[in-house]
Structures are given as structure tokens and as C-alpha cells.
Amino acid sequence: SHCDSHDQRERYRLIAVEPLMDGKPCNGTLKEIRPCTIAVDCVISPWTPWDQCDKSCDGGQKQRQRQVELNPKHGGKPCPLGLIETTGCNREPCDDKEVNCKVSIWSVWSRCSASCGPGVKERSLTVTN
């Protein structure tokens, strides 16, 4: 018989002739259950697509993975150790142009906020880049 989902196989027998008179009765069981020992190899999923690179330049990394779908049994082929792969990506150097802050010249002073006593005069800069 074939192995079932519980890794067991069964077989049956029937009594062909019942004992008569002083005949000896049948001995032994009519049903036998044994564990299966058929080797089952590891089954793994296909690789997932590569993840996005974690950097846009100067060298980053990306990964892909796969999963065990069925563990091996009874001496079947073992699962591979590598379930995650990592590789380099975007190795081009980043654009290193320096960007310096630029500001306008000072504006002219404003008029005093008070005609007598303490007051405030203001002037300002504008960031141009």
C-alpha cells in the first residue's frame, strides 16, 4: 500500500475459512500498520525577485530569498543552507558637486519703528541657493 498523510501504510487480510470442529483458529492480526520509511527530499520555493537597492549610489545592497516548503524526511535530500542571497548594487559614485549656500546682499535698513524713545531698525538677507 501507499504511504498516507500520516507517514503510515496499512495492509489487511481476511479470514478465508473459519475453523470448524476442532480446527485451529487463525492467529495474528487482520490489520497491520507500519511507518513509512520512504525518503522525502527537501522542497524549496523559487527565489523571490530582488529587493530594491538600499542606496542610490556609492554601493548598496539588495536581497532575495526563498523558503522551505517541505522539510526532508527519512534520509531525504537536505535543504540548502542559503535561503537568502545578498548582492551589491548601484556601485557608481555619487555626484560630489559641492553646493554652497548663497545669499543676497543685505537690504537697506528700515525706518526706525519709533519716532522717539527706543525703537527697532531691521535689514535682511535672502537665501538664493
Foldseek 3Di string as FASTA:
>chain_A
DDQDPVQKDKDFDDDPDADPDPGDGDDDDGMDMDGHQDKDAWDKDDKDDWDDFPDQAQKTKIKIFIGTPDQIGNPHHGDDPDGMDMDIDRHHHDPPDDDDKDKDDKDDWDDFPDPDDDTDIDIDIGTDD
